[in-house]
Amino acid sequence: MRHALICHPDTPAKAVSAIEVELRREAGSLLLQYHVTGPAGLLVPGYPSPATRKRTDELWRHTCLEAFVKPANGEAYWEFNVAPTWDWQAYALSGYREGRRPDHAIATPVTDARYGRDGWNLSVRWDLAGVPNNPWRIGLAAVIQETGGAISYWALKHAPDKPDFHHPDAFALTVTP
């Protein structure tokens, strides 16, 4: 199923007109396909090689596609980030913005990207075998940095006030095993 992300009203986008995400949960993994529509005003650094992918912190400071996964029971959740540079990170959190640490049990995701004049698509498969296999509450988000440095924040559902992808309201989908 394809889900439209909404640009936060305080961070209007000039170069991106739409972001949609297709989500599938399959046998211990989460497959996400991000579809970003807009002219080449994004800071997408060329056509990077998947061989250069590495764990990198603070990807959200630039263009980054994100997913947040919270098992239905409990406060702990995971944050997954991937950039068009192929850099990525997976964090485990013990509660709302608490106890964040890289989760080294999460393996390098399988990624694929297609770039075009009018947008780009990025697919990422996260191996989540270590995440409890009960229903998940999921938040989907994107940070887009345009040429010139302007940043827009996109999410399925925004928290009241400022952009906050960790806010409980942002976990807008429930996905069953």
N, C-alpha and C. Protein backbone atom coordinates (compact mmCIF):
# COMPACT_ATOMS: atom_id res chain seq x y z
N MET A 1 0.84 -1.18 0.00
CA MET A 1 0.00 0.00 0.00
C MET A 1 0.88 1.24 0.00
N ARG A 2 0.50 2.23 -0.76
CA ARG A 2 1.27 3.48 -0.88
C ARG A 2 0.68 4.52 0.07
N HIS A 3 1.57 5.20 0.80
CA HIS A 3 1.16 6.20 1.78
C HIS A 3 1.81 7.54 1.43
N ALA A 4 1.02 8.60 1.41
CA ALA A 4 1.53 9.94 1.11
C ALA A 4 2.07 10.58 2.39
N LEU A 5 3.26 11.15 2.29
CA LEU A 5 3.81 11.93 3.39
C LEU A 5 3.36 13.38 3.20
N ILE A 6 3.22 14.07 4.31
CA ILE A 6 2.74 15.45 4.32
C ILE A 6 3.89 16.36 4.74
N CYS A 7 4.08 17.43 3.99
CA CYS A 7 5.12 18.40 4.34
C CYS A 7 4.63 19.23 5.53
N HIS A 8 5.50 19.41 6.53
CA HIS A 8 5.13 20.21 7.70
C HIS A 8 4.90 21.66 7.23
N PRO A 9 3.81 22.29 7.66
CA PRO A 9 3.49 23.64 7.17
C PRO A 9 4.54 24.70 7.52
N ASP A 10 5.33 24.48 8.56
CA ASP A 10 6.37 25.45 8.93
C ASP A 10 7.64 25.29 8.11
N THR A 11 7.72 24.23 7.27
CA THR A 11 8.93 23.98 6.48
C THR A 11 8.55 23.69 5.02
N PRO A 12 7.97 24.67 4.33
CA PRO A 12 7.51 24.40 2.97
C PRO A 12 8.65 23.99 2.04
N ALA A 13 8.33 23.08 1.14
CA ALA A 13 9.30 22.60 0.16
C ALA A 13 9.12 23.37 -1.14
N LYS A 14 10.25 23.66 -1.79
CA LYS A 14 10.18 24.30 -3.10
C LYS A 14 10.47 23.28 -4.20
N ALA A 15 11.40 22.38 -3.96
CA ALA A 15 11.85 21.45 -5.01
C ALA A 15 11.06 20.14 -5.02
N VAL A 16 10.38 19.80 -3.93
CA VAL A 16 9.67 18.53 -3.86
C VAL A 16 8.18 18.81 -3.83
N SER A 17 7.44 18.12 -4.69
CA SER A 17 5.99 18.31 -4.71
C SER A 17 5.24 17.18 -4.02
N ALA A 18 5.89 16.01 -3.89
CA ALA A 18 5.22 14.88 -3.24
C ALA A 18 6.25 13.84 -2.82
N ILE A 19 5.92 13.15 -1.73
CA ILE A 19 6.68 11.97 -1.30
C ILE A 19 5.66 10.91 -0.92
N GLU A 20 5.83 9.73 -1.50
CA GLU A 20 4.98 8.60 -1.17
C GLU A 20 5.86 7.43 -0.79
N VAL A 21 5.33 6.57 0.09
CA VAL A 21 6.09 5.41 0.56
C VAL A 21 5.21 4.17 0.45
N GLU A 22 5.76 3.15 -0.18
CA GLU A 22 5.12 1.84 -0.19
C GLU A 22 5.78 1.03 0.90
N LEU A 23 4.99 0.31 1.67
CA LEU A 23 5.48 -0.43 2.83
C LEU A 23 4.98 -1.86 2.75
N ARG A 24 5.89 -2.81 2.97
CA ARG A 24 5.50 -4.22 3.09
C ARG A 24 6.29 -4.84 4.23
N ARG A 25 5.60 -5.59 5.03
CA ARG A 25 6.24 -6.36 6.10
C ARG A 25 6.29 -7.80 5.62
N GLU A 26 7.50 -8.35 5.57
CA GLU A 26 7.70 -9.71 5.07
C GLU A 26 8.63 -10.47 6.00
N ALA A 27 8.26 -11.61 6.45
CA ALA A 27 9.10 -12.56 7.20
C ALA A 27 10.34 -11.94 7.83
N GLY A 28 10.16 -11.16 8.86
CA GLY A 28 11.29 -10.61 9.60
C GLY A 28 11.94 -9.40 8.96
N SER A 29 11.33 -8.85 7.93
CA SER A 29 11.93 -7.67 7.31
C SER A 29 10.85 -6.64 6.99
N LEU A 30 11.31 -5.43 6.77
CA LEU A 30 10.45 -4.32 6.39
C LEU A 30 10.98 -3.76 5.09
N LEU A 31 10.15 -3.76 4.05
CA LEU A 31 10.52 -3.23 2.75
C LEU A 31 9.82 -1.89 2.57
N LEU A 32 10.61 -0.85 2.30
CA LEU A 32 10.09 0.49 2.09
C LEU A 32 10.55 0.98 0.74
N GLN A 33 9.63 1.55 -0.03
CA GLN A 33 9.97 2.15 -1.32
C GLN A 33 9.50 3.59 -1.27
N TYR A 34 10.48 4.51 -1.24
CA TYR A 34 10.21 5.94 -1.19
C TYR A 34 10.19 6.49 -2.61
N HIS A 35 9.16 7.26 -2.95
CA HIS A 35 9.01 7.89 -4.25
C HIS A 35 8.99 9.41 -4.01
N VAL A 36 10.06 10.09 -4.42
CA VAL A 36 10.19 11.53 -4.21
C VAL A 36 10.00 12.22 -5.56
N THR A 37 9.02 13.11 -5.64
CA THR A 37 8.71 13.80 -6.89
C THR A 37 9.15 15.25 -6.79
N GLY A 38 9.93 15.68 -7.77
CA GLY A 38 10.36 17.07 -7.83
C GLY A 38 11.58 17.20 -8.71
N PRO A 39 11.86 18.41 -9.20
CA PRO A 39 13.01 18.62 -10.07
C PRO A 39 14.32 18.42 -9.32
N ALA A 40 15.40 18.52 -10.04
CA ALA A 40 16.72 18.21 -9.49
C ALA A 40 17.23 19.29 -8.53
N GLY A 41 16.36 19.90 -7.75
CA GLY A 41 16.79 20.89 -6.78
C GLY A 41 17.20 20.27 -5.45
N LEU A 42 17.20 18.94 -5.39
CA LEU A 42 17.57 18.25 -4.16
C LEU A 42 19.07 18.11 -4.07
N LEU A 43 19.57 18.00 -2.88
CA LEU A 43 20.98 17.71 -2.68
C LEU A 43 21.17 16.21 -2.72
N VAL A 44 21.15 15.65 -3.91
CA VAL A 44 21.41 14.23 -4.11
C VAL A 44 22.78 14.14 -4.74
N PRO A 45 23.77 13.64 -4.03
CA PRO A 45 25.15 13.68 -4.51
C PRO A 45 25.44 12.66 -5.61
N GLY A 46 25.06 13.01 -6.82
CA GLY A 46 25.37 12.16 -7.97
C GLY A 46 24.71 10.80 -7.87
N TYR A 47 25.39 9.79 -8.36
CA TYR A 47 24.90 8.43 -8.35
C TYR A 47 25.88 7.59 -7.54
N PRO A 48 25.78 7.61 -6.25
CA PRO A 48 26.75 6.91 -5.40
C PRO A 48 26.72 5.41 -5.62
N SER A 49 27.81 4.79 -5.29
CA SER A 49 27.92 3.34 -5.41
C SER A 49 27.44 2.68 -4.13
N PRO A 50 26.63 1.62 -4.24
CA PRO A 50 26.21 0.91 -3.03
C PRO A 50 27.40 0.36 -2.25
N ALA A 51 28.56 0.22 -2.89
CA ALA A 51 29.75 -0.28 -2.20
C ALA A 51 30.26 0.70 -1.16
N THR A 52 29.84 1.96 -1.24
CA THR A 52 30.32 2.97 -0.30
C THR A 52 29.44 3.11 0.93
N ARG A 53 28.36 2.35 1.01
CA ARG A 53 27.43 2.51 2.13
C ARG A 53 28.12 2.22 3.47
N LYS A 54 27.77 3.03 4.47
CA LYS A 54 28.34 2.84 5.81
C LYS A 54 27.39 3.41 6.84
N ARG A 55 27.55 2.93 8.08
CA ARG A 55 26.78 3.49 9.20
C ARG A 55 27.27 4.91 9.43
N THR A 56 26.31 5.83 9.54
CA THR A 56 26.65 7.23 9.75
C THR A 56 25.61 7.84 10.67
N ASP A 57 26.06 8.57 11.67
CA ASP A 57 25.13 9.26 12.57
C ASP A 57 24.67 10.59 11.98
N GLU A 58 23.56 11.07 12.50
CA GLU A 58 23.00 12.39 12.19
C GLU A 58 22.68 12.58 10.70
N LEU A 59 22.21 11.53 10.06
CA LEU A 59 21.82 11.65 8.65
C LEU A 59 20.69 12.64 8.46
N TRP A 60 19.87 12.84 9.47
CA TRP A 60 18.70 13.72 9.39
C TRP A 60 19.09 15.19 9.24
N ARG A 61 20.35 15.53 9.31
CA ARG A 61 20.77 16.92 9.12
C ARG A 61 20.75 17.31 7.63
N HIS A 62 20.59 16.33 6.75
CA HIS A 62 20.54 16.55 5.30
C HIS A 62 19.41 15.69 4.76
N THR A 63 19.43 15.36 3.48
CA THR A 63 18.39 14.51 2.92
C THR A 63 18.50 13.10 3.49
N CYS A 64 17.39 12.63 4.05
CA CYS A 64 17.36 11.34 4.74
C CYS A 64 15.93 10.82 4.75
N LEU A 65 15.79 9.52 4.50
CA LEU A 65 14.49 8.87 4.54
C LEU A 65 14.43 8.01 5.79
N GLU A 66 13.34 8.08 6.52
CA GLU A 66 13.29 7.49 7.85
C GLU A 66 12.05 6.62 8.06
N ALA A 67 12.22 5.66 8.96
CA ALA A 67 11.10 4.84 9.44
C ALA A 67 11.30 4.63 10.93
N PHE A 68 10.20 4.62 11.65
CA PHE A 68 10.20 4.40 13.08
C PHE A 68 9.29 3.20 13.35
N VAL A 69 9.79 2.22 14.07
CA VAL A 69 9.05 0.98 14.31
C VAL A 69 8.95 0.77 15.81
N LYS A 70 7.71 0.65 16.30
CA LYS A 70 7.46 0.46 17.73
C LYS A 70 6.56 -0.75 17.89
N PRO A 71 7.05 -1.82 18.55
CA PRO A 71 6.15 -2.94 18.83
C PRO A 71 4.93 -2.44 19.61
N ALA A 72 3.79 -3.04 19.35
CA ALA A 72 2.53 -2.58 19.93
C ALA A 72 2.56 -2.52 21.46
N ASN A 73 3.30 -3.40 22.11
CA ASN A 73 3.37 -3.41 23.57
C ASN A 73 4.71 -2.83 24.01
N GLY A 74 4.68 -1.75 24.75
CA GLY A 74 5.91 -1.19 25.28
C GLY A 74 6.23 0.18 24.73
N GLU A 75 7.27 0.75 25.29
CA GLU A 75 7.69 2.10 24.92
C GLU A 75 8.91 2.11 24.01
N ALA A 76 9.68 1.01 23.98
CA ALA A 76 10.89 0.95 23.16
C ALA A 76 10.52 0.99 21.68
N TYR A 77 11.41 1.58 20.87
CA TYR A 77 11.20 1.62 19.43
C TYR A 77 12.54 1.74 18.72
N TRP A 78 12.49 1.58 17.39
CA TRP A 78 13.68 1.65 16.55
C TRP A 78 13.50 2.79 15.55
N GLU A 79 14.61 3.44 15.24
CA GLU A 79 14.65 4.48 14.21
C GLU A 79 15.60 4.01 13.12
N PHE A 80 15.15 4.06 11.87
CA PHE A 80 15.94 3.61 10.72
C PHE A 80 16.11 4.78 9.76
N ASN A 81 17.35 5.07 9.42
CA ASN A 81 17.66 6.19 8.51
C ASN A 81 18.47 5.68 7.33
N VAL A 82 18.16 6.19 6.15
CA VAL A 82 18.96 5.90 4.96
C VAL A 82 18.99 7.18 4.12
N ALA A 83 20.18 7.47 3.58
CA ALA A 83 20.37 8.67 2.76
C ALA A 83 20.61 8.27 1.31
N PRO A 84 20.40 9.19 0.38
CA PRO A 84 20.69 8.86 -1.02
C PRO A 84 22.17 8.64 -1.28
N THR A 85 23.01 8.89 -0.31
CA THR A 85 24.45 8.58 -0.41
C THR A 85 24.72 7.11 -0.10
N TRP A 86 23.68 6.36 0.27
CA TRP A 86 23.71 4.96 0.70
C TRP A 86 24.13 4.83 2.17
N ASP A 87 24.49 5.92 2.83
CA ASP A 87 24.79 5.84 4.25
C ASP A 87 23.50 5.51 5.00
N TRP A 88 23.64 4.89 6.15
CA TRP A 88 22.47 4.44 6.89
C TRP A 88 22.80 4.36 8.38
N GLN A 89 21.74 4.24 9.18
CA GLN A 89 21.90 4.03 10.61
C GLN A 89 20.60 3.43 11.16
N ALA A 90 20.76 2.61 12.18
CA ALA A 90 19.62 2.04 12.92
C ALA A 90 19.87 2.31 14.39
N TYR A 91 18.89 2.92 15.04
CA TYR A 91 18.98 3.22 16.47
C TYR A 91 17.91 2.45 17.23
N ALA A 92 18.23 2.05 18.43
CA ALA A 92 17.25 1.53 19.37
C ALA A 92 17.04 2.61 20.43
N LEU A 93 15.79 2.84 20.81
CA LEU A 93 15.46 3.82 21.84
C LEU A 93 14.62 3.13 22.89
N SER A 94 14.83 3.49 24.15
CA SER A 94 14.09 2.86 25.25
C SER A 94 12.73 3.50 25.48
N GLY A 95 12.54 4.71 25.03
CA GLY A 95 11.29 5.43 25.18
C GLY A 95 11.37 6.70 24.36
N TYR A 96 10.36 7.57 24.48
CA TYR A 96 10.31 8.80 23.69
C TYR A 96 11.60 9.60 23.81
N ARG A 97 12.40 9.56 22.74
CA ARG A 97 13.68 10.27 22.65
C ARG A 97 14.64 9.93 23.79
N GLU A 98 14.51 8.72 24.35
CA GLU A 98 15.37 8.31 25.48
C GLU A 98 16.22 7.11 25.11
N GLY A 99 17.44 7.08 25.64
CA GLY A 99 18.30 5.91 25.53
C GLY A 99 18.71 5.56 24.11
N ARG A 100 18.81 6.54 23.23
CA ARG A 100 19.16 6.26 21.84
C ARG A 100 20.59 5.73 21.73
N ARG A 101 20.71 4.60 21.01
CA ARG A 101 22.03 4.01 20.76
C ARG A 101 21.98 3.30 19.42
N PRO A 102 23.09 3.29 18.68
CA PRO A 102 23.09 2.50 17.45
C PRO A 102 22.81 1.03 17.78
N ASP A 103 21.96 0.41 17.00
CA ASP A 103 21.63 -1.00 17.19
C ASP A 103 22.47 -1.81 16.20
N HIS A 104 23.59 -2.33 16.69
CA HIS A 104 24.53 -3.05 15.83
C HIS A 104 24.03 -4.45 15.46
N ALA A 105 22.90 -4.88 16.02
CA ALA A 105 22.32 -6.15 15.62
C ALA A 105 21.58 -6.02 14.28
N ILE A 106 21.28 -4.78 13.88
CA ILE A 106 20.62 -4.54 12.60
C ILE A 106 21.69 -4.52 11.52
N ALA A 107 21.51 -5.37 10.52
CA ALA A 107 22.49 -5.50 9.44
C ALA A 107 22.33 -4.38 8.41
N THR A 108 23.37 -4.20 7.62
CA THR A 108 23.32 -3.23 6.52
C THR A 108 22.10 -3.52 5.66
N PRO A 109 21.26 -2.51 5.43
CA PRO A 109 20.05 -2.76 4.63
C PRO A 109 20.38 -2.98 3.16
N VAL A 110 19.49 -3.68 2.49
CA VAL A 110 19.59 -3.86 1.05
C VAL A 110 18.89 -2.66 0.42
N THR A 111 19.61 -1.93 -0.43
CA THR A 111 19.06 -0.72 -1.01
C THR A 111 19.19 -0.71 -2.53
N ASP A 112 18.33 0.08 -3.15
CA ASP A 112 18.38 0.29 -4.59
C ASP A 112 17.80 1.68 -4.84
N ALA A 113 18.34 2.39 -5.82
CA ALA A 113 17.84 3.72 -6.12
C ALA A 113 17.77 3.94 -7.62
N ARG A 114 16.82 4.76 -8.01
CA ARG A 114 16.65 5.18 -9.41
C ARG A 114 16.47 6.69 -9.38
N TYR A 115 17.32 7.36 -10.14
CA TYR A 115 17.28 8.83 -10.20
C TYR A 115 16.82 9.27 -11.58
N GLY A 116 15.96 10.27 -11.62
CA GLY A 116 15.48 10.81 -12.88
C GLY A 116 15.37 12.32 -12.81
N ARG A 117 15.04 12.93 -13.93
CA ARG A 117 14.93 14.38 -13.98
C ARG A 117 13.82 14.92 -13.09
N ASP A 118 12.75 14.14 -12.92
CA ASP A 118 11.59 14.61 -12.18
C ASP A 118 11.42 13.95 -10.81
N GLY A 119 12.51 13.36 -10.30
CA GLY A 119 12.43 12.75 -8.97
C GLY A 119 13.32 11.54 -8.85
N TRP A 120 13.16 10.84 -7.74
CA TRP A 120 13.96 9.63 -7.50
C TRP A 120 13.20 8.68 -6.60
N ASN A 121 13.57 7.43 -6.73
CA ASN A 121 12.97 6.36 -5.94
C ASN A 121 14.09 5.65 -5.20
N LEU A 122 13.85 5.35 -3.95
CA LEU A 122 14.82 4.60 -3.16
C LEU A 122 14.08 3.47 -2.46
N SER A 123 14.57 2.25 -2.65
CA SER A 123 14.01 1.08 -1.97
C SER A 123 15.00 0.63 -0.92
N VAL A 124 14.48 0.24 0.22
CA VAL A 124 15.34 -0.24 1.30
C VAL A 124 14.65 -1.40 2.00
N ARG A 125 15.39 -2.46 2.22
CA ARG A 125 14.88 -3.62 2.97
C ARG A 125 15.69 -3.72 4.26
N TRP A 126 14.99 -3.56 5.37
CA TRP A 126 15.59 -3.67 6.69
C TRP A 126 15.32 -5.06 7.24
N ASP A 127 16.35 -5.74 7.71
CA ASP A 127 16.20 -7.04 8.37
C ASP A 127 15.86 -6.75 9.83
N LEU A 128 14.64 -7.05 10.22
CA LEU A 128 14.17 -6.74 11.57
C LEU A 128 13.88 -8.01 12.37
N ALA A 129 14.65 -9.03 12.12
CA ALA A 129 14.44 -10.30 12.82
C ALA A 129 14.55 -10.13 14.34
N GLY A 130 15.31 -9.15 14.81
CA GLY A 130 15.48 -8.93 16.25
C GLY A 130 14.39 -8.09 16.88
N VAL A 131 13.49 -7.55 16.08
CA VAL A 131 12.39 -6.73 16.60
C VAL A 131 11.22 -7.65 16.93
N PRO A 132 10.63 -7.52 18.12
CA PRO A 132 9.52 -8.42 18.49
C PRO A 132 8.48 -8.52 17.37
N ASN A 133 8.01 -9.73 17.16
CA ASN A 133 7.13 -10.03 16.02
C ASN A 133 5.65 -9.88 16.37
N ASN A 134 5.29 -8.82 17.04
CA ASN A 134 3.88 -8.55 17.27
C ASN A 134 3.48 -7.38 16.37
N PRO A 135 2.25 -6.91 16.42
CA PRO A 135 1.92 -5.76 15.57
C PRO A 135 2.88 -4.60 15.85
N TRP A 136 3.22 -3.87 14.79
CA TRP A 136 4.11 -2.71 14.90
C TRP A 136 3.32 -1.45 14.62
N ARG A 137 3.62 -0.42 15.38
CA ARG A 137 3.17 0.92 15.05
C ARG A 137 4.33 1.57 14.31
N ILE A 138 4.03 2.18 13.18
CA ILE A 138 5.09 2.68 12.30
C ILE A 138 4.87 4.15 11.98
N GLY A 139 5.97 4.89 12.00
CA GLY A 139 6.00 6.26 11.51
C GLY A 139 6.93 6.31 10.31
N LEU A 140 6.52 6.99 9.27
CA LEU A 140 7.34 7.16 8.07
C LEU A 140 7.62 8.65 7.91
N ALA A 141 8.85 8.97 7.52
CA ALA A 141 9.23 10.38 7.45
C ALA A 141 10.35 10.59 6.45
N ALA A 142 10.57 11.85 6.11
CA ALA A 142 11.67 12.24 5.23
C ALA A 142 12.12 13.64 5.61
N VAL A 143 13.41 13.83 5.54
CA VAL A 143 14.02 15.16 5.66
C VAL A 143 14.62 15.43 4.29
N ILE A 144 14.26 16.55 3.69
CA ILE A 144 14.75 16.88 2.36
C ILE A 144 15.49 18.22 2.44
N GLN A 145 16.77 18.18 2.05
CA GLN A 145 17.55 19.41 1.97
C GLN A 145 17.71 19.78 0.51
N GLU A 146 17.30 21.00 0.19
CA GLU A 146 17.37 21.47 -1.18
C GLU A 146 18.66 22.24 -1.41
N THR A 147 19.00 22.42 -2.68
CA THR A 147 20.12 23.28 -3.02
C THR A 147 19.84 24.64 -2.40
N GLY A 148 20.82 25.20 -1.75
CA GLY A 148 20.63 26.44 -1.03
C GLY A 148 20.46 26.21 0.46
N GLY A 149 20.21 24.93 0.87
CA GLY A 149 20.19 24.58 2.27
C GLY A 149 18.83 24.49 2.93
N ALA A 150 17.75 24.96 2.29
CA ALA A 150 16.43 24.87 2.91
C ALA A 150 16.07 23.41 3.18
N ILE A 151 15.48 23.16 4.35
CA ILE A 151 15.10 21.80 4.75
C ILE A 151 13.60 21.74 4.96
N SER A 152 12.99 20.70 4.40
CA SER A 152 11.56 20.44 4.66
C SER A 152 11.44 19.09 5.37
N TYR A 153 10.41 18.99 6.20
CA TYR A 153 10.16 17.79 7.00
C TYR A 153 8.83 17.20 6.58
N TRP A 154 8.84 15.92 6.24
CA TRP A 154 7.67 15.21 5.73
C TRP A 154 7.37 14.04 6.65
N ALA A 155 6.09 13.76 6.87
CA ALA A 155 5.70 12.62 7.70
C ALA A 155 4.28 12.17 7.35
N LEU A 156 3.97 10.94 7.73
CA LEU A 156 2.59 10.45 7.58
C LEU A 156 1.64 11.33 8.37
N LYS A 157 2.06 11.64 9.59
CA LYS A 157 1.27 12.49 10.47
C LYS A 157 2.25 13.28 11.33
N HIS A 158 2.01 14.57 11.41
CA HIS A 158 2.89 15.42 12.21
C HIS A 158 2.33 15.61 13.62
N ALA A 159 3.24 15.74 14.55
CA ALA A 159 2.88 16.08 15.93
C ALA A 159 2.39 17.53 15.95
N PRO A 160 1.65 17.90 16.99
CA PRO A 160 1.26 19.30 17.11
C PRO A 160 2.52 20.16 17.23
N ASP A 161 2.48 21.34 16.70
CA ASP A 161 3.57 22.31 16.82
C ASP A 161 4.70 21.99 15.83
N LYS A 162 5.91 21.82 16.31
CA LYS A 162 7.09 21.68 15.45
C LYS A 162 7.24 20.25 14.93
N PRO A 163 8.03 20.05 13.86
CA PRO A 163 8.27 18.68 13.37
C PRO A 163 8.92 17.83 14.47
N ASP A 164 8.38 16.65 14.70
CA ASP A 164 8.91 15.73 15.71
C ASP A 164 8.51 14.31 15.32
N PHE A 165 9.38 13.63 14.58
CA PHE A 165 9.08 12.30 14.09
C PHE A 165 9.01 11.26 15.21
N HIS A 166 9.52 11.58 16.40
CA HIS A 166 9.50 10.65 17.53
C HIS A 166 8.21 10.74 18.34
N HIS A 167 7.45 11.77 18.15
CA HIS A 167 6.22 11.99 18.92
C HIS A 167 5.27 10.81 18.72
N PRO A 168 4.56 10.38 19.77
CA PRO A 168 3.63 9.25 19.63
C PRO A 168 2.62 9.40 18.50
N ASP A 169 2.18 10.64 18.20
CA ASP A 169 1.22 10.86 17.11
C ASP A 169 1.80 10.47 15.74
N ALA A 170 3.13 10.51 15.62
CA ALA A 170 3.76 10.23 14.33
C ALA A 170 3.70 8.74 13.95
N PHE A 171 3.48 7.87 14.93
CA PHE A 171 3.37 6.43 14.67
C PHE A 171 1.95 6.13 14.17
N ALA A 172 1.68 6.49 12.92
CA ALA A 172 0.32 6.55 12.40
C ALA A 172 -0.19 5.25 11.78
N LEU A 173 0.69 4.29 11.51
CA LEU A 173 0.28 3.04 10.89
C LEU A 173 0.42 1.89 11.88
N THR A 174 -0.47 0.93 11.77
CA THR A 174 -0.30 -0.33 12.50
C THR A 174 -0.16 -1.44 11.46
N VAL A 175 0.91 -2.21 11.58
CA VAL A 175 1.18 -3.29 10.62
C VAL A 175 1.28 -4.59 11.40
N THR A 176 0.51 -5.57 10.99
CA THR A 176 0.49 -6.87 11.69
C THR A 176 1.45 -7.85 11.02
N PRO A 177 1.89 -8.87 11.77
CA PRO A 177 2.81 -9.86 11.20
C PRO A 177 2.15 -10.65 10.07
